[in-house]
Amino acid sequence: MNIKNIPGIIKLKKAEESVEDFYALKTEDFLIRWVNYHMEKGGHSDRISNLNKDLESLDIYTLLID
C-alpha cells in the first residue's frame, strides 16, 4: 500500500514539516496523527502519543466512535 494514494492523508502533515519527511513517517506515526486529528475535529481534548499504551483503555475508541 502506498500512503500517498490515501485521499486526504496530507491533512495530517504538520505545517513545519516537509512533504518528504511527512511521507517518510512510520506507520504507527500516521495512525497516531490520524487518531489525534479526529479527536480534535470531534472537539475532544484527549490525544495519544503511544498506540499500545494509550489505546489500552477503550476511552479513546469510545470517543472516536462518538
PDB file of N, CA and C in Angstrom:
ATOM      1  N   MET A   1       0.845  -1.180   0.000  1.00  0.00           N
ATOM      2  CA  MET A   1       0.000   0.000   0.000  1.00  0.00           C
ATOM      3  C   MET A   1       0.885   1.236   0.000  1.00  0.00           C
ATOM      4  N   ASN A   2       0.536   2.190  -0.805  1.00  0.00           N
ATOM      5  CA  ASN A   2       1.273   3.439  -0.877  1.00  0.00           C
ATOM      6  C   ASN A   2       0.486   4.514  -0.142  1.00  0.00           C
ATOM      7  N   ILE A   3       1.069   5.058   0.899  1.00  0.00           N
ATOM      8  CA  ILE A   3       0.389   6.053   1.734  1.00  0.00           C
ATOM      9  C   ILE A   3      -0.019   7.290   0.928  1.00  0.00           C
ATOM     10  N   LYS A   4       0.702   7.576  -0.140  1.00  0.00           N
ATOM     11  CA  LYS A   4       0.389   8.742  -0.972  1.00  0.00           C
ATOM     12  C   LYS A   4      -0.940   8.594  -1.692  1.00  0.00           C
ATOM     13  N   ASN A   5      -1.447   7.375  -1.816  1.00  0.00           N
ATOM     14  CA  ASN A   5      -2.704   7.133  -2.525  1.00  0.00           C
ATOM     15  C   ASN A   5      -3.936   7.260  -1.639  1.00  0.00           C
ATOM     16  N   ILE A   6      -3.737   7.553  -0.362  1.00  0.00           N
ATOM     17  CA  ILE A   6      -4.874   7.677   0.547  1.00  0.00           C
ATOM     18  C   ILE A   6      -5.401   9.111   0.479  1.00  0.00           C
ATOM     19  N   PRO A   7      -6.657   9.270   0.041  1.00  0.00           N
ATOM     20  CA  PRO A   7      -7.218  10.623  -0.076  1.00  0.00           C
ATOM     21  C   PRO A   7      -7.208  11.359   1.262  1.00  0.00           C
ATOM     22  N   GLY A   8      -6.791  12.593   1.252  1.00  0.00           N
ATOM     23  CA  GLY A   8      -6.829  13.439   2.438  1.00  0.00           C
ATOM     24  C   GLY A   8      -5.711  13.215   3.439  1.00  0.00           C
ATOM     25  N   ILE A   9      -4.811  12.271   3.196  1.00  0.00           N
ATOM     26  CA  ILE A   9      -3.752  11.962   4.163  1.00  0.00           C
ATOM     27  C   ILE A   9      -2.862  13.176   4.438  1.00  0.00           C
ATOM     28  N   ILE A  10      -2.729  14.042   3.464  1.00  0.00           N
ATOM     29  CA  ILE A  10      -1.848  15.214   3.600  1.00  0.00           C
ATOM     30  C   ILE A  10      -2.357  16.162   4.695  1.00  0.00           C
ATOM     31  N   LYS A  11      -3.624  16.040   5.088  1.00  0.00           N
ATOM     32  CA  LYS A  11      -4.162  16.864   6.182  1.00  0.00           C
ATOM     33  C   LYS A  11      -3.452  16.591   7.501  1.00  0.00           C
ATOM     34  N   LEU A  12      -2.791  15.453   7.596  1.00  0.00           N
ATOM     35  CA  LEU A  12      -2.094  15.082   8.826  1.00  0.00           C
ATOM     36  C   LEU A  12      -0.693  15.672   8.908  1.00  0.00           C
ATOM     37  N   LYS A  13      -0.231  16.303   7.837  1.00  0.00           N
ATOM     38  CA  LYS A  13       1.116  16.891   7.796  1.00  0.00           C
ATOM     39  C   LYS A  13       1.164  18.133   8.673  1.00  0.00           C
ATOM     40  N   LYS A  14       2.217  18.253   9.453  1.00  0.00           N
ATOM     41  CA  LYS A  14       2.420  19.442  10.283  1.00  0.00           C
ATOM     42  C   LYS A  14       2.954  20.570   9.408  1.00  0.00           C
ATOM     43  N   ALA A  15       2.622  21.799   9.750  1.00  0.00           N
ATOM     44  CA  ALA A  15       2.994  22.958   8.944  1.00  0.00           C
ATOM     45  C   ALA A  15       4.501  23.079   8.746  1.00  0.00           C
ATOM     46  N   GLU A  16       5.263  22.778   9.785  1.00  0.00           N
ATOM     47  CA  GLU A  16       6.719  22.950   9.723  1.00  0.00           C
ATOM     48  C   GLU A  16       7.430  21.753   9.091  1.00  0.00           C
ATOM     49  N   GLU A  17       6.697  20.773   8.675  1.00  0.00           N
ATOM     50  CA  GLU A  17       7.254  19.519   8.168  1.00  0.00           C
ATOM     51  C   GLU A  17       7.288  19.510   6.644  1.00  0.00           C
ATOM     52  N   SER A  18       8.358  19.025   6.075  1.00  0.00           N
ATOM     53  CA  SER A  18       8.423  18.912   4.618  1.00  0.00           C
ATOM     54  C   SER A  18       7.566  17.732   4.167  1.00  0.00           C
ATOM     55  N   VAL A  19       7.124  17.774   2.940  1.00  0.00           N
ATOM     56  CA  VAL A  19       6.320  16.688   2.384  1.00  0.00           C
ATOM     57  C   VAL A  19       7.118  15.383   2.398  1.00  0.00           C
ATOM     58  N   GLU A  20       8.398  15.476   2.082  1.00  0.00           N
ATOM     59  CA  GLU A  20       9.253  14.285   2.066  1.00  0.00           C
ATOM     60  C   GLU A  20       9.349  13.657   3.462  1.00  0.00           C
ATOM     61  N   ASP A  21       9.534  14.499   4.472  1.00  0.00           N
ATOM     62  CA  ASP A  21       9.607  13.990   5.843  1.00  0.00           C
ATOM     63  C   ASP A  21       8.275  13.378   6.271  1.00  0.00           C
ATOM     64  N   PHE A  22       7.198  14.015   5.863  1.00  0.00           N
ATOM     65  CA  PHE A  22       5.867  13.510   6.196  1.00  0.00           C
ATOM     66  C   PHE A  22       5.659  12.102   5.638  1.00  0.00           C
ATOM     67  N   TYR A  23       5.955  11.917   4.376  1.00  0.00           N
ATOM     68  CA  TYR A  23       5.750  10.606   3.751  1.00  0.00           C
ATOM     69  C   TYR A  23       6.756   9.556   4.221  1.00  0.00           C
ATOM     70  N   ALA A  24       7.790   9.970   4.932  1.00  0.00           N
ATOM     71  CA  ALA A  24       8.774   9.030   5.463  1.00  0.00           C
ATOM     72  C   ALA A  24       8.422   8.545   6.881  1.00  0.00           C
ATOM     73  N   LEU A  25       7.320   9.034   7.438  1.00  0.00           N
ATOM     74  CA  LEU A  25       6.920   8.626   8.783  1.00  0.00           C
ATOM     75  C   LEU A  25       6.641   7.129   8.848  1.00  0.00           C
ATOM     76  N   LYS A  26       6.804   6.573  10.040  1.00  0.00           N
ATOM     77  CA  LYS A  26       6.457   5.177  10.269  1.00  0.00           C
ATOM     78  C   LYS A  26       4.930   5.048  10.315  1.00  0.00           C
ATOM     79  N   THR A  27       4.446   3.862  10.024  1.00  0.00           N
ATOM     80  CA  THR A  27       3.005   3.600  10.023  1.00  0.00           C
ATOM     81  C   THR A  27       2.371   3.988  11.357  1.00  0.00           C
ATOM     82  N   GLU A  28       3.026   3.668  12.452  1.00  0.00           N
ATOM     83  CA  GLU A  28       2.493   3.999  13.775  1.00  0.00           C
ATOM     84  C   GLU A  28       2.304   5.508  13.928  1.00  0.00           C
ATOM     85  N   ASP A  29       3.227   6.285  13.393  1.00  0.00           N
ATOM     86  CA  ASP A  29       3.115   7.744  13.498  1.00  0.00           C
ATOM     87  C   ASP A  29       1.925   8.276  12.696  1.00  0.00           C
ATOM     88  N   PHE A  30       1.672   7.677  11.526  1.00  0.00           N
ATOM     89  CA  PHE A  30       0.482   8.062  10.751  1.00  0.00           C
ATOM     90  C   PHE A  30      -0.790   7.744  11.533  1.00  0.00           C
ATOM     91  N   LEU A  31      -0.836   6.584  12.167  1.00  0.00           N
ATOM     92  CA  LEU A  31      -2.027   6.200  12.928  1.00  0.00           C
ATOM     93  C   LEU A  31      -2.251   7.110  14.127  1.00  0.00           C
ATOM     94  N   ILE A  32      -1.182   7.468  14.813  1.00  0.00           N
ATOM     95  CA  ILE A  32      -1.292   8.403  15.940  1.00  0.00           C
ATOM     96  C   ILE A  32      -1.826   9.740  15.458  1.00  0.00           C
ATOM     97  N   ARG A  33      -1.295  10.233  14.360  1.00  0.00           N
ATOM     98  CA  ARG A  33      -1.776  11.517  13.830  1.00  0.00           C
ATOM     99  C   ARG A  33      -3.232  11.429  13.404  1.00  0.00           C
ATOM    100  N   TRP A  34      -3.609  10.291  12.805  1.00  0.00           N
ATOM    101  CA  TRP A  34      -4.991  10.112  12.359  1.00  0.00           C
ATOM    102  C   TRP A  34      -5.941  10.164  13.550  1.00  0.00           C
ATOM    103  N   VAL A  35      -5.602   9.432  14.614  1.00  0.00           N
ATOM    104  CA  VAL A  35      -6.440   9.430  15.823  1.00  0.00           C
ATOM    105  C   VAL A  35      -6.521  10.840  16.393  1.00  0.00           C
ATOM    106  N   ASN A  36      -5.403  11.505  16.552  1.00  0.00           N
ATOM    107  CA  ASN A  36      -5.397  12.849  17.137  1.00  0.00           C
ATOM    108  C   ASN A  36      -6.131  13.859  16.264  1.00  0.00           C
ATOM    109  N   TYR A  37      -6.021  13.726  14.960  1.00  0.00           N
ATOM    110  CA  TYR A  37      -6.746  14.598  14.032  1.00  0.00           C
ATOM    111  C   TYR A  37      -8.254  14.463  14.264  1.00  0.00           C
ATOM    112  N   HIS A  38      -8.725  13.240  14.349  1.00  0.00           N
ATOM    113  CA  HIS A  38     -10.158  13.015  14.528  1.00  0.00           C
ATOM    114  C   HIS A  38     -10.626  13.382  15.928  1.00  0.00           C
ATOM    115  N   MET A  39      -9.762  13.238  16.912  1.00  0.00           N
ATOM    116  CA  MET A  39     -10.122  13.683  18.258  1.00  0.00           C
ATOM    117  C   MET A  39     -10.309  15.199  18.267  1.00  0.00           C
ATOM    118  N   GLU A  40      -9.398  15.907  17.611  1.00  0.00           N
ATOM    119  CA  GLU A  40      -9.508  17.367  17.541  1.00  0.00           C
ATOM    120  C   GLU A  40     -10.762  17.782  16.780  1.00  0.00           C
ATOM    121  N   LYS A  41     -11.003  17.169  15.629  1.00  0.00           N
ATOM    122  CA  LYS A  41     -12.182  17.513  14.824  1.00  0.00           C
ATOM    123  C   LYS A  41     -13.478  17.205  15.561  1.00  0.00           C
ATOM    124  N   GLY A  42     -13.441  16.209  16.442  1.00  0.00           N
ATOM    125  CA  GLY A  42     -14.621  15.850  17.226  1.00  0.00           C
ATOM    126  C   GLY A  42     -14.807  16.698  18.468  1.00  0.00           C
ATOM    127  N   GLY A  43     -13.874  17.619  18.703  1.00  0.00           N
ATOM    128  CA  GLY A  43     -13.985  18.505  19.859  1.00  0.00           C
ATOM    129  C   GLY A  43     -13.512  17.889  21.165  1.00  0.00           C
ATOM    130  N   HIS A  44     -12.757  16.805  21.079  1.00  0.00           N
ATOM    131  CA  HIS A  44     -12.246  16.142  22.282  1.00  0.00           C
ATOM    132  C   HIS A  44     -10.829  16.616  22.575  1.00  0.00           C
ATOM    133  N   SER A  45     -10.512  16.783  23.837  1.00  0.00           N
ATOM    134  CA  SER A  45      -9.180  17.265  24.218  1.00  0.00           C
ATOM    135  C   SER A  45      -8.170  16.129  24.374  1.00  0.00           C
ATOM    136  N   ASP A  46      -8.650  14.901  24.460  1.00  0.00           N
ATOM    137  CA  ASP A  46      -7.744  13.753  24.620  1.00  0.00           C
ATOM    138  C   ASP A  46      -6.892  13.570  23.367  1.00  0.00           C
ATOM    139  N   ARG A  47      -5.625  13.221  23.573  1.00  0.00           N
ATOM    140  CA  ARG A  47      -4.700  12.928  22.471  1.00  0.00           C
ATOM    141  C   ARG A  47      -3.892  11.701  22.860  1.00  0.00           C
ATOM    142  N   ILE A  48      -3.327  11.031  21.866  1.00  0.00           N
ATOM    143  CA  ILE A  48      -2.469   9.886  22.147  1.00  0.00           C
ATOM    144  C   ILE A  48      -1.057  10.186  21.652  1.00  0.00           C
ATOM    145  N   SER A  49      -0.089   9.507  22.239  1.00  0.00           N
ATOM    146  CA  SER A  49       1.295   9.642  21.787  1.00  0.00           C
ATOM    147  C   SER A  49       1.952   8.270  21.614  1.00  0.00           C
ATOM    148  N   ASN A  50       1.276   7.231  22.130  1.00  0.00           N
ATOM    149  CA  ASN A  50       1.792   5.875  22.020  1.00  0.00           C
ATOM    150  C   ASN A  50       0.610   4.955  21.751  1.00  0.00           C
ATOM    151  N   LEU A  51       0.608   4.293  20.601  1.00  0.00           N
ATOM    152  CA  LEU A  51      -0.541   3.460  20.237  1.00  0.00           C
ATOM    153  C   LEU A  51      -0.829   2.371  21.253  1.00  0.00           C
ATOM    154  N   ASN A  52       0.168   1.612  21.618  1.00  0.00           N
ATOM    155  CA  ASN A  52      -0.062   0.490  22.528  1.00  0.00           C
ATOM    156  C   ASN A  52      -0.528   0.948  23.902  1.00  0.00           C
ATOM    157  N   LYS A  53       0.197   1.862  24.489  1.00  0.00           N
ATOM    158  CA  LYS A  53      -0.106   2.311  25.853  1.00  0.00           C
ATOM    159  C   LYS A  53      -1.414   3.095  25.914  1.00  0.00           C
ATOM    160  N   ASP A  54      -1.578   4.050  25.006  1.00  0.00           N
ATOM    161  CA  ASP A  54      -2.724   4.955  25.078  1.00  0.00           C
ATOM    162  C   ASP A  54      -4.040   4.306  24.651  1.00  0.00           C
ATOM    163  N   LEU A  55      -3.966   3.221  23.908  1.00  0.00           N
ATOM    164  CA  LEU A  55      -5.193   2.581  23.460  1.00  0.00           C
ATOM    165  C   LEU A  55      -5.550   1.346  24.286  1.00  0.00           C
ATOM    166  N   GLU A  56      -4.834   1.141  25.399  1.00  0.00           N
ATOM    167  CA  GLU A  56      -5.152   0.013  26.276  1.00  0.00           C
ATOM    168  C   GLU A  56      -6.561   0.135  26.850  1.00  0.00           C
ATOM    169  N   SER A  57      -6.923   1.340  27.215  1.00  0.00           N
ATOM    170  CA  SER A  57      -8.294   1.537  27.679  1.00  0.00           C
ATOM    171  C   SER A  57      -9.161   1.834  26.456  1.00  0.00           C
ATOM    172  N   LEU A  58     -10.428   1.667  26.609  1.00  0.00           N
ATOM    173  CA  LEU A  58     -11.328   1.892  25.480  1.00  0.00           C
ATOM    174  C   LEU A  58     -11.822   3.330  25.397  1.00  0.00           C
ATOM    175  N   ASP A  59     -11.294   4.208  26.228  1.00  0.00           N
ATOM    176  CA  ASP A  59     -11.766   5.596  26.252  1.00  0.00           C
ATOM    177  C   ASP A  59     -11.603   6.279  24.898  1.00  0.00           C
ATOM    178  N   ILE A  60     -10.427   6.171  24.305  1.00  0.00           N
ATOM    179  CA  ILE A  60     -10.172   6.819  23.017  1.00  0.00           C
ATOM    180  C   ILE A  60     -11.057   6.221  21.931  1.00  0.00           C
ATOM    181  N   TYR A  61     -11.184   4.897  21.909  1.00  0.00           N
ATOM    182  CA  TYR A  61     -12.052   4.242  20.916  1.00  0.00           C
ATOM    183  C   TYR A  61     -13.485   4.757  21.040  1.00  0.00           C
ATOM    184  N   THR A  62     -13.953   4.877  22.272  1.00  0.00           N
ATOM    185  CA  THR A  62     -15.319   5.353  22.502  1.00  0.00           C
ATOM    186  C   THR A  62     -15.496   6.768  21.972  1.00  0.00           C
ATOM    187  N   LEU A  63     -14.523   7.625  22.219  1.00  0.00           N
ATOM    188  CA  LEU A  63     -14.600   8.997  21.723  1.00  0.00           C
ATOM    189  C   LEU A  63     -14.534   9.060  20.203  1.00  0.00           C
ATOM    190  N   LEU A  64     -13.695   8.222  19.602  1.00  0.00           N
ATOM    191  CA  LEU A  64     -13.598   8.189  18.140  1.00  0.00           C
ATOM    192  C   LEU A  64     -14.905   7.771  17.491  1.00  0.00           C
ATOM    193  N   ILE A  65     -15.542   6.775  18.071  1.00  0.00           N
ATOM    194  CA  ILE A  65     -16.819   6.296  17.527  1.00  0.00           C
ATOM    195  C   ILE A  65     -17.912   7.345  17.699  1.00  0.00           C
ATOM    196  N   ASP A  66     -17.809   8.096  18.802  1.00  0.00           N
ATOM    197  CA  ASP A  66     -18.775   9.149  19.073  1.00  0.00           C
ATOM    198  C   ASP A  66     -18.710  10.179  17.971  1.00  0.00           C
TER     199      ASP A  66
END
